[in-house]
Amino acid sequence: MKKLQQSITDTQIWHWIDRTLGIPRKQLGGMAVCPYVKRYREQIAVVKTDNPVGVVGNFANMKQLLDLEAVVVYGFSQTKRKNQNMIAKLNQQYAAQDVHCLFLDHSAKEPPLPVDYLWGKCDLLIAQRASTLEQVQDLLLKNTDYYTYYTDDV
């Protein structure tokens, strides 16, 4: 996997964000996989690193100053179990700093939505402002049927 990650660029990650996550889909009632990604596009950073924990710590401490809503981290390589443990620890450690992390496994086969949006080239960690996530989730729950498209509980 390390060799594969070396060839991945920030531009490819942005292309996936813009062309996969941000495009409205018929299968989702005309909504995008991430309905608010376009709104916050200029407040998202993409970082390649072998130290994702350090990037999340920097995001937690600097997001206000840099006016960031999220950071997409790639370039690290570890086992699925280590990634799951890392995400759990990060969410516990940074919850009080308004940060929520999620992990996208490059080997995942089934997305929880009825469209293919998985990124299969490398693992991704997404750290985002928890308050913004909660706010947009509430808006989607109140104003759309977005969550009815999920196959798993959100």
N, C-alpha and C. Protein backbone atom coordinates (compact mmCIF):
# COMPACT_ATOMS: atom_id res chain seq x y z
N MET A 1 0.82 -1.19 0.00
CA MET A 1 0.00 0.00 0.00
C MET A 1 0.87 1.25 0.00
N LYS A 2 2.04 1.21 0.59
CA LYS A 2 2.89 2.38 0.68
C LYS A 2 3.24 2.92 -0.71
N LYS A 3 3.57 2.03 -1.64
CA LYS A 3 3.91 2.45 -3.00
C LYS A 3 2.72 3.14 -3.66
N LEU A 4 1.53 2.61 -3.46
CA LEU A 4 0.33 3.20 -4.03
C LEU A 4 0.10 4.60 -3.47
N GLN A 5 0.29 4.77 -2.17
CA GLN A 5 0.06 6.07 -1.55
C GLN A 5 1.01 7.13 -2.07
N GLN A 6 2.23 6.75 -2.44
CA GLN A 6 3.20 7.72 -2.91
C GLN A 6 2.74 8.39 -4.20
N SER A 7 1.92 7.71 -4.97
CA SER A 7 1.48 8.28 -6.24
C SER A 7 0.20 9.11 -6.12
N ILE A 8 -0.42 9.09 -4.96
CA ILE A 8 -1.65 9.85 -4.75
C ILE A 8 -1.29 11.30 -4.45
N THR A 9 -2.07 12.22 -5.02
CA THR A 9 -1.80 13.64 -4.82
C THR A 9 -3.00 14.34 -4.18
N ASP A 10 -2.74 15.51 -3.64
CA ASP A 10 -3.82 16.33 -3.10
C ASP A 10 -4.87 16.59 -4.17
N THR A 11 -4.44 16.80 -5.40
CA THR A 11 -5.37 17.07 -6.50
C THR A 11 -6.36 15.92 -6.68
N GLN A 12 -5.88 14.69 -6.55
CA GLN A 12 -6.77 13.54 -6.67
C GLN A 12 -7.78 13.51 -5.52
N ILE A 13 -7.34 13.84 -4.34
CA ILE A 13 -8.26 13.89 -3.19
C ILE A 13 -9.31 14.97 -3.42
N TRP A 14 -8.88 16.15 -3.87
CA TRP A 14 -9.84 17.23 -4.15
C TRP A 14 -10.83 16.82 -5.25
N HIS A 15 -10.33 16.13 -6.25
CA HIS A 15 -11.21 15.67 -7.32
C HIS A 15 -12.28 14.75 -6.75
N TRP A 16 -11.90 13.84 -5.88
CA TRP A 16 -12.86 12.93 -5.23
C TRP A 16 -13.86 13.72 -4.38
N ILE A 17 -13.38 14.70 -3.63
CA ILE A 17 -14.28 15.53 -2.81
C ILE A 17 -15.28 16.25 -3.71
N ASP A 18 -14.78 16.92 -4.73
CA ASP A 18 -15.64 17.73 -5.59
C ASP A 18 -16.54 16.91 -6.50
N ARG A 19 -16.00 15.86 -7.12
CA ARG A 19 -16.71 15.13 -8.15
C ARG A 19 -17.46 13.90 -7.64
N THR A 20 -17.15 13.47 -6.44
CA THR A 20 -17.82 12.29 -5.91
C THR A 20 -18.70 12.65 -4.72
N LEU A 21 -18.15 13.38 -3.77
CA LEU A 21 -18.92 13.72 -2.57
C LEU A 21 -19.87 14.89 -2.79
N GLY A 22 -19.51 15.81 -3.66
CA GLY A 22 -20.27 17.05 -3.79
C GLY A 22 -21.29 17.11 -4.92
N ILE A 23 -21.42 16.06 -5.71
CA ILE A 23 -22.34 16.06 -6.87
C ILE A 23 -23.70 15.50 -6.47
N PRO A 24 -24.79 16.21 -6.80
CA PRO A 24 -26.13 15.66 -6.51
C PRO A 24 -26.37 14.34 -7.24
N ARG A 25 -27.04 13.42 -6.56
CA ARG A 25 -27.30 12.08 -7.10
C ARG A 25 -28.79 11.78 -7.13
N LYS A 26 -29.26 11.23 -8.24
CA LYS A 26 -30.67 10.81 -8.33
C LYS A 26 -31.01 9.80 -7.24
N GLN A 27 -30.07 8.89 -6.97
CA GLN A 27 -30.30 7.83 -5.98
C GLN A 27 -30.48 8.37 -4.56
N LEU A 28 -30.12 9.64 -4.35
CA LEU A 28 -30.25 10.28 -3.04
C LEU A 28 -31.26 11.42 -3.09
N GLY A 29 -32.21 11.30 -3.96
CA GLY A 29 -33.23 12.34 -4.06
C GLY A 29 -32.70 13.68 -4.51
N GLY A 30 -31.64 13.65 -5.29
CA GLY A 30 -31.05 14.89 -5.81
C GLY A 30 -30.03 15.52 -4.87
N MET A 31 -29.73 14.86 -3.77
CA MET A 31 -28.73 15.40 -2.84
C MET A 31 -27.37 14.74 -3.09
N ALA A 32 -26.33 15.42 -2.65
CA ALA A 32 -24.98 14.89 -2.75
C ALA A 32 -24.71 13.95 -1.58
N VAL A 33 -23.68 13.12 -1.71
CA VAL A 33 -23.27 12.26 -0.61
C VAL A 33 -22.98 13.11 0.62
N CYS A 34 -22.26 14.19 0.44
CA CYS A 34 -22.02 15.17 1.50
C CYS A 34 -22.69 16.47 1.07
N PRO A 35 -23.94 16.66 1.47
CA PRO A 35 -24.71 17.79 0.95
C PRO A 35 -24.12 19.17 1.24
N TYR A 36 -23.26 19.30 2.22
CA TYR A 36 -22.72 20.61 2.57
C TYR A 36 -21.25 20.79 2.20
N VAL A 37 -20.68 19.85 1.47
CA VAL A 37 -19.27 19.95 1.14
C VAL A 37 -18.98 21.17 0.26
N LYS A 38 -19.86 21.50 -0.65
CA LYS A 38 -19.63 22.68 -1.50
C LYS A 38 -19.66 23.97 -0.69
N ARG A 39 -20.57 24.01 0.27
CA ARG A 39 -20.68 25.22 1.11
C ARG A 39 -19.39 25.48 1.89
N TYR A 40 -18.74 24.42 2.35
CA TYR A 40 -17.55 24.56 3.19
C TYR A 40 -16.26 24.26 2.43
N ARG A 41 -16.32 24.16 1.12
CA ARG A 41 -15.17 23.77 0.29
C ARG A 41 -13.91 24.57 0.59
N GLU A 42 -14.04 25.86 0.74
CA GLU A 42 -12.87 26.72 0.97
C GLU A 42 -12.35 26.62 2.40
N GLN A 43 -13.06 25.89 3.25
CA GLN A 43 -12.65 25.75 4.65
C GLN A 43 -12.24 24.30 4.97
N ILE A 44 -11.86 23.58 3.93
CA ILE A 44 -11.38 22.21 4.07
C ILE A 44 -9.91 22.18 3.64
N ALA A 45 -9.09 21.50 4.42
CA ALA A 45 -7.69 21.31 4.07
C ALA A 45 -7.46 19.83 3.74
N VAL A 46 -6.53 19.58 2.86
CA VAL A 46 -6.10 18.21 2.53
C VAL A 46 -4.63 18.12 2.90
N VAL A 47 -4.28 17.09 3.69
CA VAL A 47 -2.91 16.97 4.20
C VAL A 47 -2.41 15.54 4.00
N LYS A 48 -1.24 15.42 3.41
CA LYS A 48 -0.57 14.12 3.29
C LYS A 48 0.45 14.03 4.41
N THR A 49 0.38 12.94 5.18
CA THR A 49 1.29 12.79 6.32
C THR A 49 1.37 11.33 6.75
N ASP A 50 2.45 11.00 7.44
CA ASP A 50 2.52 9.69 8.09
C ASP A 50 2.20 9.83 9.58
N ASN A 51 1.75 11.02 9.99
CA ASN A 51 1.41 11.30 11.38
C ASN A 51 0.00 11.90 11.48
N PRO A 52 -1.04 11.10 11.24
CA PRO A 52 -2.40 11.65 11.26
C PRO A 52 -2.81 12.18 12.63
N VAL A 53 -2.30 11.59 13.70
CA VAL A 53 -2.64 12.06 15.05
C VAL A 53 -2.15 13.50 15.24
N GLY A 54 -0.95 13.79 14.76
CA GLY A 54 -0.42 15.14 14.86
C GLY A 54 -1.24 16.15 14.06
N VAL A 55 -1.69 15.74 12.88
CA VAL A 55 -2.51 16.64 12.06
C VAL A 55 -3.83 16.95 12.76
N VAL A 56 -4.45 15.93 13.36
CA VAL A 56 -5.72 16.16 14.07
C VAL A 56 -5.48 17.09 15.26
N GLY A 57 -4.39 16.90 15.98
CA GLY A 57 -4.07 17.80 17.09
C GLY A 57 -3.90 19.23 16.62
N ASN A 58 -3.20 19.41 15.50
CA ASN A 58 -3.02 20.75 14.94
C ASN A 58 -4.36 21.34 14.49
N PHE A 59 -5.19 20.51 13.87
CA PHE A 59 -6.52 20.97 13.47
C PHE A 59 -7.32 21.42 14.68
N ALA A 60 -7.30 20.63 15.75
CA ALA A 60 -8.05 20.98 16.96
C ALA A 60 -7.60 22.32 17.52
N ASN A 61 -6.30 22.56 17.49
CA ASN A 61 -5.76 23.79 18.06
C ASN A 61 -5.82 25.00 17.13
N MET A 62 -5.84 24.77 15.82
CA MET A 62 -5.73 25.87 14.87
C MET A 62 -6.96 26.12 14.02
N LYS A 63 -8.00 25.31 14.15
CA LYS A 63 -9.14 25.43 13.24
C LYS A 63 -9.81 26.80 13.31
N GLN A 64 -9.89 27.35 14.50
CA GLN A 64 -10.52 28.67 14.68
C GLN A 64 -9.67 29.74 13.99
N LEU A 65 -8.40 29.75 14.29
CA LEU A 65 -7.49 30.75 13.73
C LEU A 65 -7.42 30.68 12.21
N LEU A 66 -7.43 29.45 11.66
CA LEU A 66 -7.32 29.26 10.21
C LEU A 66 -8.67 29.20 9.51
N ASP A 67 -9.74 29.31 10.27
CA ASP A 67 -11.11 29.24 9.74
C ASP A 67 -11.33 27.95 8.95
N LEU A 68 -10.96 26.83 9.57
CA LEU A 68 -11.14 25.53 8.94
C LEU A 68 -12.35 24.81 9.52
N GLU A 69 -13.07 24.11 8.66
CA GLU A 69 -14.18 23.26 9.08
C GLU A 69 -13.76 21.80 9.13
N ALA A 70 -12.81 21.42 8.28
CA ALA A 70 -12.40 20.02 8.23
C ALA A 70 -11.01 19.90 7.63
N VAL A 71 -10.41 18.73 7.90
CA VAL A 71 -9.16 18.37 7.26
C VAL A 71 -9.27 16.90 6.83
N VAL A 72 -8.87 16.64 5.60
CA VAL A 72 -8.83 15.28 5.06
C VAL A 72 -7.36 14.86 5.07
N VAL A 73 -7.08 13.76 5.77
CA VAL A 73 -5.70 13.31 5.97
C VAL A 73 -5.49 11.99 5.22
N TYR A 74 -4.38 11.91 4.50
CA TYR A 74 -4.02 10.67 3.81
C TYR A 74 -2.51 10.50 3.85
N GLY A 75 -2.02 9.35 3.41
CA GLY A 75 -0.59 9.11 3.35
C GLY A 75 -0.06 8.25 4.48
N PHE A 76 -0.90 7.88 5.40
CA PHE A 76 -0.49 7.03 6.52
C PHE A 76 -0.90 5.59 6.24
N SER A 77 -0.22 4.65 6.86
CA SER A 77 -0.53 3.25 6.62
C SER A 77 -0.42 2.48 7.94
N GLN A 78 -1.51 1.87 8.34
CA GLN A 78 -1.53 1.01 9.52
C GLN A 78 -2.70 0.05 9.39
N THR A 79 -2.80 -0.90 10.30
CA THR A 79 -3.84 -1.91 10.21
C THR A 79 -5.21 -1.30 10.46
N LYS A 80 -6.23 -2.02 10.01
CA LYS A 80 -7.60 -1.57 10.22
C LYS A 80 -7.90 -1.40 11.71
N ARG A 81 -7.45 -2.35 12.53
CA ARG A 81 -7.68 -2.26 13.97
C ARG A 81 -7.00 -1.03 14.58
N LYS A 82 -5.77 -0.76 14.15
CA LYS A 82 -5.07 0.42 14.66
C LYS A 82 -5.80 1.70 14.25
N ASN A 83 -6.30 1.71 13.02
CA ASN A 83 -7.06 2.88 12.57
C ASN A 83 -8.34 3.06 13.40
N GLN A 84 -9.05 1.98 13.65
CA GLN A 84 -10.27 2.07 14.46
C GLN A 84 -9.96 2.56 15.87
N ASN A 85 -8.90 2.02 16.47
CA ASN A 85 -8.49 2.47 17.80
C ASN A 85 -8.06 3.93 17.80
N MET A 86 -7.34 4.33 16.74
CA MET A 86 -6.89 5.71 16.62
C MET A 86 -8.09 6.66 16.57
N ILE A 87 -9.08 6.32 15.76
CA ILE A 87 -10.25 7.19 15.63
C ILE A 87 -10.99 7.29 16.97
N ALA A 88 -11.16 6.17 17.66
CA ALA A 88 -11.84 6.19 18.96
C ALA A 88 -11.08 7.08 19.95
N LYS A 89 -9.77 6.95 19.99
CA LYS A 89 -8.96 7.77 20.90
C LYS A 89 -9.01 9.25 20.53
N LEU A 90 -8.92 9.54 19.24
CA LEU A 90 -8.98 10.93 18.79
C LEU A 90 -10.32 11.56 19.13
N ASN A 91 -11.40 10.82 18.90
CA ASN A 91 -12.73 11.37 19.21
C ASN A 91 -12.88 11.62 20.71
N GLN A 92 -12.33 10.76 21.52
CA GLN A 92 -12.38 10.96 22.96
C GLN A 92 -11.49 12.14 23.37
N GLN A 93 -10.30 12.19 22.83
CA GLN A 93 -9.33 13.22 23.22
C GLN A 93 -9.76 14.62 22.79
N TYR A 94 -10.38 14.75 21.62
CA TYR A 94 -10.66 16.08 21.08
C TYR A 94 -12.13 16.47 21.08
N ALA A 95 -12.98 15.68 21.69
CA ALA A 95 -14.41 16.02 21.75
C ALA A 95 -14.63 17.39 22.40
N ALA A 96 -13.92 17.67 23.46
CA ALA A 96 -14.08 18.95 24.16
C ALA A 96 -13.58 20.13 23.32
N GLN A 97 -12.80 19.85 22.27
CA GLN A 97 -12.31 20.89 21.38
C GLN A 97 -13.12 20.95 20.08
N ASP A 98 -14.33 20.37 20.12
CA ASP A 98 -15.25 20.46 18.99
C ASP A 98 -14.72 19.75 17.73
N VAL A 99 -14.12 18.58 17.92
CA VAL A 99 -13.58 17.83 16.80
C VAL A 99 -14.19 16.43 16.79
N HIS A 100 -14.64 16.01 15.60
CA HIS A 100 -15.10 14.65 15.39
C HIS A 100 -14.35 14.07 14.21
N CYS A 101 -13.83 12.85 14.38
CA CYS A 101 -13.07 12.19 13.33
C CYS A 101 -13.81 10.97 12.82
N LEU A 102 -13.61 10.69 11.55
CA LEU A 102 -14.10 9.45 10.98
C LEU A 102 -13.03 8.88 10.06
N PHE A 103 -13.14 7.60 9.82
CA PHE A 103 -12.14 6.89 9.04
C PHE A 103 -12.80 6.25 7.83
N LEU A 104 -12.20 6.44 6.68
CA LEU A 104 -12.66 5.77 5.46
C LEU A 104 -11.62 4.74 5.06
N ASP A 105 -11.99 3.49 5.17
CA ASP A 105 -11.11 2.37 4.87
C ASP A 105 -11.05 2.16 3.37
N HIS A 106 -9.85 2.21 2.81
CA HIS A 106 -9.71 2.07 1.35
C HIS A 106 -10.18 0.71 0.84
N SER A 107 -10.27 -0.28 1.73
CA SER A 107 -10.69 -1.61 1.29
C SER A 107 -12.17 -1.89 1.54
N ALA A 108 -12.90 -0.89 2.00
CA ALA A 108 -14.34 -1.08 2.24
C ALA A 108 -15.04 -1.42 0.93
N LYS A 109 -16.02 -2.29 1.03
CA LYS A 109 -16.73 -2.75 -0.17
C LYS A 109 -18.14 -2.19 -0.29
N GLU A 110 -18.79 -1.95 0.83
CA GLU A 110 -20.19 -1.54 0.83
C GLU A 110 -20.37 -0.16 1.47
N PRO A 111 -20.68 0.87 0.70
CA PRO A 111 -20.97 2.16 1.31
C PRO A 111 -22.35 2.12 1.97
N PRO A 112 -22.55 2.94 3.01
CA PRO A 112 -23.85 2.95 3.67
C PRO A 112 -24.94 3.67 2.88
N LEU A 113 -24.57 4.30 1.79
CA LEU A 113 -25.55 4.95 0.91
C LEU A 113 -25.63 4.17 -0.40
N PRO A 114 -26.75 4.29 -1.13
CA PRO A 114 -26.94 3.50 -2.35
C PRO A 114 -26.22 4.05 -3.59
N VAL A 115 -25.09 4.69 -3.39
CA VAL A 115 -24.25 5.15 -4.50
C VAL A 115 -22.80 4.81 -4.17
N ASP A 116 -22.00 4.61 -5.19
CA ASP A 116 -20.60 4.29 -4.95
C ASP A 116 -19.82 5.59 -4.80
N TYR A 117 -19.37 5.84 -3.60
CA TYR A 117 -18.58 7.03 -3.35
C TYR A 117 -17.29 6.71 -2.59
N LEU A 118 -17.05 5.43 -2.37
CA LEU A 118 -15.88 5.04 -1.59
C LEU A 118 -14.60 5.41 -2.31
N TRP A 119 -13.60 5.78 -1.54
CA TRP A 119 -12.28 6.10 -2.05
C TRP A 119 -11.42 4.87 -1.85
N GLY A 120 -11.01 4.21 -2.89
CA GLY A 120 -10.32 2.95 -2.78
C GLY A 120 -8.81 3.02 -2.93
N LYS A 121 -8.26 4.21 -3.01
CA LYS A 121 -6.83 4.32 -3.27
C LYS A 121 -5.96 4.32 -2.03
N CYS A 122 -6.49 4.79 -0.91
CA CYS A 122 -5.75 4.80 0.35
C CYS A 122 -6.74 5.10 1.47
N ASP A 123 -6.31 4.86 2.70
CA ASP A 123 -7.15 5.20 3.84
C ASP A 123 -7.21 6.71 4.00
N LEU A 124 -8.35 7.18 4.48
CA LEU A 124 -8.53 8.61 4.75
C LEU A 124 -9.03 8.80 6.17
N LEU A 125 -8.55 9.82 6.81
CA LEU A 125 -9.07 10.27 8.08
C LEU A 125 -9.66 11.65 7.84
N ILE A 126 -10.88 11.85 8.27
CA ILE A 126 -11.50 13.16 8.14
C ILE A 126 -11.79 13.67 9.54
N ALA A 127 -11.19 14.81 9.86
CA ALA A 127 -11.46 15.48 11.14
C ALA A 127 -12.27 16.73 10.80
N GLN A 128 -13.35 16.93 11.54
CA GLN A 128 -14.21 18.08 11.26
C GLN A 128 -14.75 18.67 12.55
N ARG A 129 -15.23 19.89 12.42
CA ARG A 129 -15.86 20.53 13.58
C ARG A 129 -17.13 19.76 13.93
N ALA A 130 -17.19 19.26 15.13
CA ALA A 130 -18.36 18.49 15.57
C ALA A 130 -19.62 19.35 15.59
N SER A 131 -19.49 20.60 15.98
CA SER A 131 -20.66 21.47 16.06
C SER A 131 -21.27 21.72 14.68
N THR A 132 -20.44 21.90 13.67
CA THR A 132 -20.96 22.08 12.31
C THR A 132 -21.61 20.80 11.82
N LEU A 133 -20.97 19.67 12.09
CA LEU A 133 -21.54 18.38 11.70
C LEU A 133 -22.92 18.20 12.33
N GLU A 134 -23.04 18.47 13.61
CA GLU A 134 -24.33 18.33 14.29
C GLU A 134 -25.36 19.30 13.72
N GLN A 135 -24.94 20.51 13.44
CA GLN A 135 -25.85 21.52 12.88
C GLN A 135 -26.40 21.09 11.52
N VAL A 136 -25.52 20.62 10.63
CA VAL A 136 -26.00 20.23 9.30
C VAL A 136 -26.79 18.93 9.36
N GLN A 137 -26.43 18.03 10.28
CA GLN A 137 -27.23 16.81 10.45
C GLN A 137 -28.65 17.17 10.90
N ASP A 138 -28.77 18.11 11.82
CA ASP A 138 -30.10 18.55 12.28
C ASP A 138 -30.89 19.16 11.13
N LEU A 139 -30.23 19.99 10.32
CA LEU A 139 -30.91 20.59 9.17
C LEU A 139 -31.38 19.52 8.18
N LEU A 140 -30.53 18.55 7.92
CA LEU A 140 -30.91 17.48 7.01
C LEU A 140 -32.07 16.66 7.56
N LEU A 141 -32.03 16.38 8.85
CA LEU A 141 -33.13 15.62 9.48
C LEU A 141 -34.45 16.38 9.41
N LYS A 142 -34.41 17.67 9.65
CA LYS A 142 -35.63 18.49 9.69
C LYS A 142 -36.19 18.80 8.30
N ASN A 143 -35.29 18.98 7.33
CA ASN A 143 -35.72 19.52 6.04
C ASN A 143 -35.65 18.57 4.85
N THR A 144 -35.10 17.37 5.06
CA THR A 144 -34.94 16.45 3.93
C THR A 144 -35.22 15.02 4.37
N ASP A 145 -35.17 14.12 3.41
CA ASP A 145 -35.26 12.70 3.74
C ASP A 145 -33.90 12.01 3.54
N TYR A 146 -32.84 12.78 3.63
CA TYR A 146 -31.48 12.31 3.38
C TYR A 146 -31.15 11.02 4.13
N TYR A 147 -31.46 10.94 5.40
CA TYR A 147 -31.06 9.79 6.20
C TYR A 147 -31.89 8.54 5.92
N THR A 148 -32.95 8.65 5.18
CA THR A 148 -33.70 7.46 4.80
C THR A 148 -32.96 6.63 3.75
N TYR A 149 -31.96 7.23 3.12
CA TYR A 149 -31.19 6.53 2.08
C TYR A 149 -30.08 5.65 2.67
N TYR A 150 -29.76 5.83 3.92
CA TYR A 150 -28.71 5.03 4.56
C TYR A 150 -29.16 3.60 4.79
N THR A 151 -28.24 2.67 4.59
CA THR A 151 -28.53 1.26 4.87
C THR A 151 -28.18 0.90 6.31
N ASP A 152 -27.32 1.71 6.95
CA ASP A 152 -26.96 1.52 8.36
C ASP A 152 -27.44 2.72 9.16
N ASP A 153 -27.50 2.56 10.48
CA ASP A 153 -27.84 3.69 11.33
C ASP A 153 -26.71 4.71 11.29
N VAL A 154 -27.09 5.98 11.31
CA VAL A 154 -26.11 7.07 11.29
C VAL A 154 -25.79 7.44 12.71
